[in-house]
Amino acid sequence: MKLSAPKNVTWWIAVVVGVLGILGSFVSIPLVSANSFWFVVVGFVLLALGTLLKGL
């Protein structure tokens, strides 16, 4: 399996989604706070897919 670095856009989207999930567990954000765990999971999965799939 050959890994590649994710594109900058993919990396930034994953970071923003992950940070929203972390903030949602500390601060009350209407949609995010109820699903903060899933926001972090989606951020990590997106980052992993960006590393595994070429061109993402």
PDB file of N, CA and C in Angstrom:
ATOM      1  N   MET A   1       0.856  -1.164   0.000  1.00  0.00           N
ATOM      2  CA  MET A   1       0.000   0.000   0.000  1.00  0.00           C
ATOM      3  C   MET A   1       0.907   1.233   0.000  1.00  0.00           C
ATOM      4  N   LYS A   2       0.678   2.110  -0.956  1.00  0.00           N
ATOM      5  CA  LYS A   2       1.464   3.333  -1.054  1.00  0.00           C
ATOM      6  C   LYS A   2       0.633   4.504  -0.547  1.00  0.00           C
ATOM      7  N   LEU A   3       1.182   5.210   0.426  1.00  0.00           N
ATOM      8  CA  LEU A   3       0.488   6.350   1.007  1.00  0.00           C
ATOM      9  C   LEU A   3       0.962   7.637   0.351  1.00  0.00           C
ATOM     10  N   SER A   4       0.056   8.604   0.288  1.00  0.00           N
ATOM     11  CA  SER A   4       0.417   9.910  -0.263  1.00  0.00           C
ATOM     12  C   SER A   4      -0.157  10.993   0.643  1.00  0.00           C
ATOM     13  N   ALA A   5       0.458  12.142   0.591  1.00  0.00           N
ATOM     14  CA  ALA A   5      -0.028  13.254   1.403  1.00  0.00           C
ATOM     15  C   ALA A   5      -1.359  13.756   0.844  1.00  0.00           C
ATOM     16  N   PRO A   6      -2.300  14.081   1.713  1.00  0.00           N
ATOM     17  CA  PRO A   6      -3.572  14.628   1.224  1.00  0.00           C
ATOM     18  C   PRO A   6      -3.375  16.037   0.678  1.00  0.00           C
ATOM     19  N   LYS A   7      -4.284  16.451  -0.190  1.00  0.00           N
ATOM     20  CA  LYS A   7      -4.218  17.817  -0.705  1.00  0.00           C
ATOM     21  C   LYS A   7      -4.483  18.803   0.416  1.00  0.00           C
ATOM     22  N   ASN A   8      -4.035  20.029   0.224  1.00  0.00           N
ATOM     23  CA  ASN A   8      -4.223  21.057   1.249  1.00  0.00           C
ATOM     24  C   ASN A   8      -5.695  21.277   1.583  1.00  0.00           C
ATOM     25  N   VAL A   9      -6.543  21.264   0.573  1.00  0.00           N
ATOM     26  CA  VAL A   9      -7.974  21.491   0.796  1.00  0.00           C
ATOM     27  C   VAL A   9      -8.556  20.371   1.664  1.00  0.00           C
ATOM     28  N   THR A  10      -8.206  19.136   1.368  1.00  0.00           N
ATOM     29  CA  THR A  10      -8.697  18.000   2.141  1.00  0.00           C
ATOM     30  C   THR A  10      -8.215  18.088   3.583  1.00  0.00           C
ATOM     31  N   TRP A  11      -6.953  18.446   3.763  1.00  0.00           N
ATOM     32  CA  TRP A  11      -6.390  18.552   5.101  1.00  0.00           C
ATOM     33  C   TRP A  11      -7.091  19.641   5.906  1.00  0.00           C
ATOM     34  N   TRP A  12      -7.301  20.795   5.297  1.00  0.00           N
ATOM     35  CA  TRP A  12      -7.959  21.896   6.006  1.00  0.00           C
ATOM     36  C   TRP A  12      -9.406  21.580   6.355  1.00  0.00           C
ATOM     37  N   ILE A  13     -10.129  20.921   5.455  1.00  0.00           N
ATOM     38  CA  ILE A  13     -11.515  20.543   5.745  1.00  0.00           C
ATOM     39  C   ILE A  13     -11.549  19.565   6.918  1.00  0.00           C
ATOM     40  N   ALA A  14     -10.635  18.584   6.922  1.00  0.00           N
ATOM     41  CA  ALA A  14     -10.578  17.619   8.020  1.00  0.00           C
ATOM     42  C   ALA A  14     -10.252  18.309   9.343  1.00  0.00           C
ATOM     43  N   VAL A  15      -9.342  19.275   9.313  1.00  0.00           N
ATOM     44  CA  VAL A  15      -8.977  19.995  10.537  1.00  0.00           C
ATOM     45  C   VAL A  15     -10.154  20.824  11.039  1.00  0.00           C
ATOM     46  N   VAL A  16     -10.848  21.521  10.148  1.00  0.00           N
ATOM     47  CA  VAL A  16     -11.983  22.348  10.558  1.00  0.00           C
ATOM     48  C   VAL A  16     -13.090  21.484  11.150  1.00  0.00           C
ATOM     49  N   VAL A  17     -13.395  20.370  10.522  1.00  0.00           N
ATOM     50  CA  VAL A  17     -14.446  19.482  11.029  1.00  0.00           C
ATOM     51  C   VAL A  17     -14.041  18.907  12.387  1.00  0.00           C
ATOM     52  N   GLY A  18     -12.783  18.498  12.528  1.00  0.00           N
ATOM     53  CA  GLY A  18     -12.307  17.968  13.801  1.00  0.00           C
ATOM     54  C   GLY A  18     -12.326  19.004  14.914  1.00  0.00           C
ATOM     55  N   VAL A  19     -11.886  20.221  14.611  1.00  0.00           N
ATOM     56  CA  VAL A  19     -11.883  21.287  15.609  1.00  0.00           C
ATOM     57  C   VAL A  19     -13.307  21.660  16.005  1.00  0.00           C
ATOM     58  N   LEU A  20     -14.216  21.678  15.048  1.00  0.00           N
ATOM     59  CA  LEU A  20     -15.626  21.923  15.378  1.00  0.00           C
ATOM     60  C   LEU A  20     -16.160  20.861  16.338  1.00  0.00           C
ATOM     61  N   GLY A  21     -15.779  19.613  16.108  1.00  0.00           N
ATOM     62  CA  GLY A  21     -16.211  18.544  16.992  1.00  0.00           C
ATOM     63  C   GLY A  21     -15.654  18.693  18.393  1.00  0.00           C
ATOM     64  N   ILE A  22     -14.396  19.079  18.494  1.00  0.00           N
ATOM     65  CA  ILE A  22     -13.783  19.281  19.807  1.00  0.00           C
ATOM     66  C   ILE A  22     -14.418  20.474  20.511  1.00  0.00           C
ATOM     67  N   LEU A  23     -14.596  21.573  19.791  1.00  0.00           N
ATOM     68  CA  LEU A  23     -15.231  22.748  20.384  1.00  0.00           C
ATOM     69  C   LEU A  23     -16.672  22.462  20.795  1.00  0.00           C
ATOM     70  N   GLY A  24     -17.347  21.637  20.014  1.00  0.00           N
ATOM     71  CA  GLY A  24     -18.732  21.310  20.313  1.00  0.00           C
ATOM     72  C   GLY A  24     -18.909  20.558  21.614  1.00  0.00           C
ATOM     73  N   SER A  25     -17.863  19.889  22.071  1.00  0.00           N
ATOM     74  CA  SER A  25     -17.981  19.196  23.348  1.00  0.00           C
ATOM     75  C   SER A  25     -17.751  20.133  24.535  1.00  0.00           C
ATOM     76  N   PHE A  26     -17.158  21.299  24.304  1.00  0.00           N
ATOM     77  CA  PHE A  26     -16.904  22.259  25.380  1.00  0.00           C
ATOM     78  C   PHE A  26     -17.864  23.442  25.360  1.00  0.00           C
ATOM     79  N   VAL A  27     -18.264  23.870  24.165  1.00  0.00           N
ATOM     80  CA  VAL A  27     -19.113  25.044  23.994  1.00  0.00           C
ATOM     81  C   VAL A  27     -20.404  24.602  23.317  1.00  0.00           C
ATOM     82  N   SER A  28     -21.495  25.226  23.669  1.00  0.00           N
ATOM     83  CA  SER A  28     -22.777  24.864  23.075  1.00  0.00           C
ATOM     84  C   SER A  28     -22.911  25.479  21.681  1.00  0.00           C
ATOM     85  N   ILE A  29     -22.796  24.623  20.662  1.00  0.00           N
ATOM     86  CA  ILE A  29     -22.993  25.010  19.261  1.00  0.00           C
ATOM     87  C   ILE A  29     -24.206  24.193  18.787  1.00  0.00           C
ATOM     88  N   PRO A  30     -25.249  24.855  18.272  1.00  0.00           N
ATOM     89  CA  PRO A  30     -26.535  24.177  18.031  1.00  0.00           C
ATOM     90  C   PRO A  30     -26.465  22.800  17.363  1.00  0.00           C
ATOM     91  N   LEU A  31     -25.922  22.653  16.208  1.00  0.00           N
ATOM     92  CA  LEU A  31     -25.924  21.356  15.522  1.00  0.00           C
ATOM     93  C   LEU A  31     -24.737  20.498  15.934  1.00  0.00           C
ATOM     94  N   VAL A  32     -23.635  21.135  16.226  1.00  0.00           N
ATOM     95  CA  VAL A  32     -22.383  20.427  16.451  1.00  0.00           C
ATOM     96  C   VAL A  32     -22.337  19.753  17.821  1.00  0.00           C
ATOM     97  N   SER A  33     -22.829  20.413  18.847  1.00  0.00           N
ATOM     98  CA  SER A  33     -22.689  19.892  20.213  1.00  0.00           C
ATOM     99  C   SER A  33     -23.344  18.522  20.388  1.00  0.00           C
ATOM    100  N   ALA A  34     -24.472  18.306  19.761  1.00  0.00           N
ATOM    101  CA  ALA A  34     -25.153  17.016  19.882  1.00  0.00           C
ATOM    102  C   ALA A  34     -24.411  15.912  19.135  1.00  0.00           C
ATOM    103  N   ASN A  35     -23.626  16.281  18.139  1.00  0.00           N
ATOM    104  CA  ASN A  35     -22.924  15.301  17.305  1.00  0.00           C
ATOM    105  C   ASN A  35     -21.417  15.515  17.313  1.00  0.00           C
ATOM    106  N   SER A  36     -20.865  16.022  18.395  1.00  0.00           N
ATOM    107  CA  SER A  36     -19.444  16.380  18.423  1.00  0.00           C
ATOM    108  C   SER A  36     -18.538  15.174  18.194  1.00  0.00           C
ATOM    109  N   PHE A  37     -18.907  14.034  18.753  1.00  0.00           N
ATOM    110  CA  PHE A  37     -18.105  12.823  18.544  1.00  0.00           C
ATOM    111  C   PHE A  37     -18.015  12.479  17.063  1.00  0.00           C
ATOM    112  N   TRP A  38     -19.132  12.555  16.373  1.00  0.00           N
ATOM    113  CA  TRP A  38     -19.159  12.190  14.962  1.00  0.00           C
ATOM    114  C   TRP A  38     -18.410  13.194  14.100  1.00  0.00           C
ATOM    115  N   PHE A  39     -18.388  14.449  14.501  1.00  0.00           N
ATOM    116  CA  PHE A  39     -17.601  15.439  13.777  1.00  0.00           C
ATOM    117  C   PHE A  39     -16.115  15.085  13.837  1.00  0.00           C
ATOM    118  N   VAL A  40     -15.649  14.684  15.002  1.00  0.00           N
ATOM    119  CA  VAL A  40     -14.239  14.296  15.142  1.00  0.00           C
ATOM    120  C   VAL A  40     -13.949  13.036  14.328  1.00  0.00           C
ATOM    121  N   VAL A  41     -14.855  12.075  14.374  1.00  0.00           N
ATOM    122  CA  VAL A  41     -14.679  10.839  13.607  1.00  0.00           C
ATOM    123  C   VAL A  41     -14.618  11.140  12.111  1.00  0.00           C
ATOM    124  N   VAL A  42     -15.520  11.972  11.621  1.00  0.00           N
ATOM    125  CA  VAL A  42     -15.529  12.320  10.193  1.00  0.00           C
ATOM    126  C   VAL A  42     -14.237  13.035   9.810  1.00  0.00           C
ATOM    127  N   GLY A  43     -13.742  13.897  10.673  1.00  0.00           N
ATOM    128  CA  GLY A  43     -12.481  14.584  10.401  1.00  0.00           C
ATOM    129  C   GLY A  43     -11.324  13.605  10.265  1.00  0.00           C
ATOM    130  N   PHE A  44     -11.232  12.649  11.189  1.00  0.00           N
ATOM    131  CA  PHE A  44     -10.155  11.662  11.123  1.00  0.00           C
ATOM    132  C   PHE A  44     -10.307  10.726   9.922  1.00  0.00           C
ATOM    133  N   VAL A  45     -11.529  10.315   9.623  1.00  0.00           N
ATOM    134  CA  VAL A  45     -11.748   9.433   8.466  1.00  0.00           C
ATOM    135  C   VAL A  45     -11.394  10.160   7.172  1.00  0.00           C
ATOM    136  N   LEU A  46     -11.778  11.427   7.070  1.00  0.00           N
ATOM    137  CA  LEU A  46     -11.439  12.205   5.880  1.00  0.00           C
ATOM    138  C   LEU A  46      -9.929  12.340   5.732  1.00  0.00           C
ATOM    139  N   LEU A  47      -9.240  12.548   6.829  1.00  0.00           N
ATOM    140  CA  LEU A  47      -7.786  12.643   6.784  1.00  0.00           C
ATOM    141  C   LEU A  47      -7.153  11.311   6.386  1.00  0.00           C
ATOM    142  N   ALA A  48      -7.695  10.210   6.904  1.00  0.00           N
ATOM    143  CA  ALA A  48      -7.187   8.884   6.544  1.00  0.00           C
ATOM    144  C   ALA A  48      -7.440   8.571   5.077  1.00  0.00           C
ATOM    145  N   LEU A  49      -8.632   8.917   4.582  1.00  0.00           N
ATOM    146  CA  LEU A  49      -8.928   8.679   3.160  1.00  0.00           C
ATOM    147  C   LEU A  49      -8.047   9.542   2.270  1.00  0.00           C
ATOM    148  N   GLY A  50      -7.782  10.761   2.690  1.00  0.00           N
ATOM    149  CA  GLY A  50      -6.890  11.623   1.918  1.00  0.00           C
ATOM    150  C   GLY A  50      -5.487  11.065   1.839  1.00  0.00           C
ATOM    151  N   THR A  51      -5.076  10.324   2.857  1.00  0.00           N
ATOM    152  CA  THR A  51      -3.749   9.703   2.845  1.00  0.00           C
ATOM    153  C   THR A  51      -3.746   8.426   2.024  1.00  0.00           C
ATOM    154  N   LEU A  52      -4.817   7.659   2.070  1.00  0.00           N
ATOM    155  CA  LEU A  52      -4.875   6.376   1.384  1.00  0.00           C
ATOM    156  C   LEU A  52      -5.192   6.495  -0.106  1.00  0.00           C
ATOM    157  N   LEU A  53      -6.046   7.434  -0.471  1.00  0.00           N
ATOM    158  CA  LEU A  53      -6.480   7.565  -1.854  1.00  0.00           C
ATOM    159  C   LEU A  53      -5.706   8.681  -2.551  1.00  0.00           C
ATOM    160  N   LYS A  54      -5.144   8.364  -3.679  1.00  0.00           N
ATOM    161  CA  LYS A  54      -4.373   9.351  -4.413  1.00  0.00           C
ATOM    162  C   LYS A  54      -5.307  10.361  -5.078  1.00  0.00           C
ATOM    163  N   GLY A  55      -5.005  11.623  -4.949  1.00  0.00           N
ATOM    164  CA  GLY A  55      -5.785  12.670  -5.592  1.00  0.00           C
ATOM    165  C   GLY A  55      -6.911  13.226  -4.748  1.00  0.00           C
ATOM    166  N   LEU A  56      -7.020  12.800  -3.491  1.00  0.00           N
ATOM    167  CA  LEU A  56      -8.099  13.320  -2.631  1.00  0.00           C
ATOM    168  C   LEU A  56      -7.545  14.352  -1.694  1.00  0.00           C
TER     169      LEU A  56
END
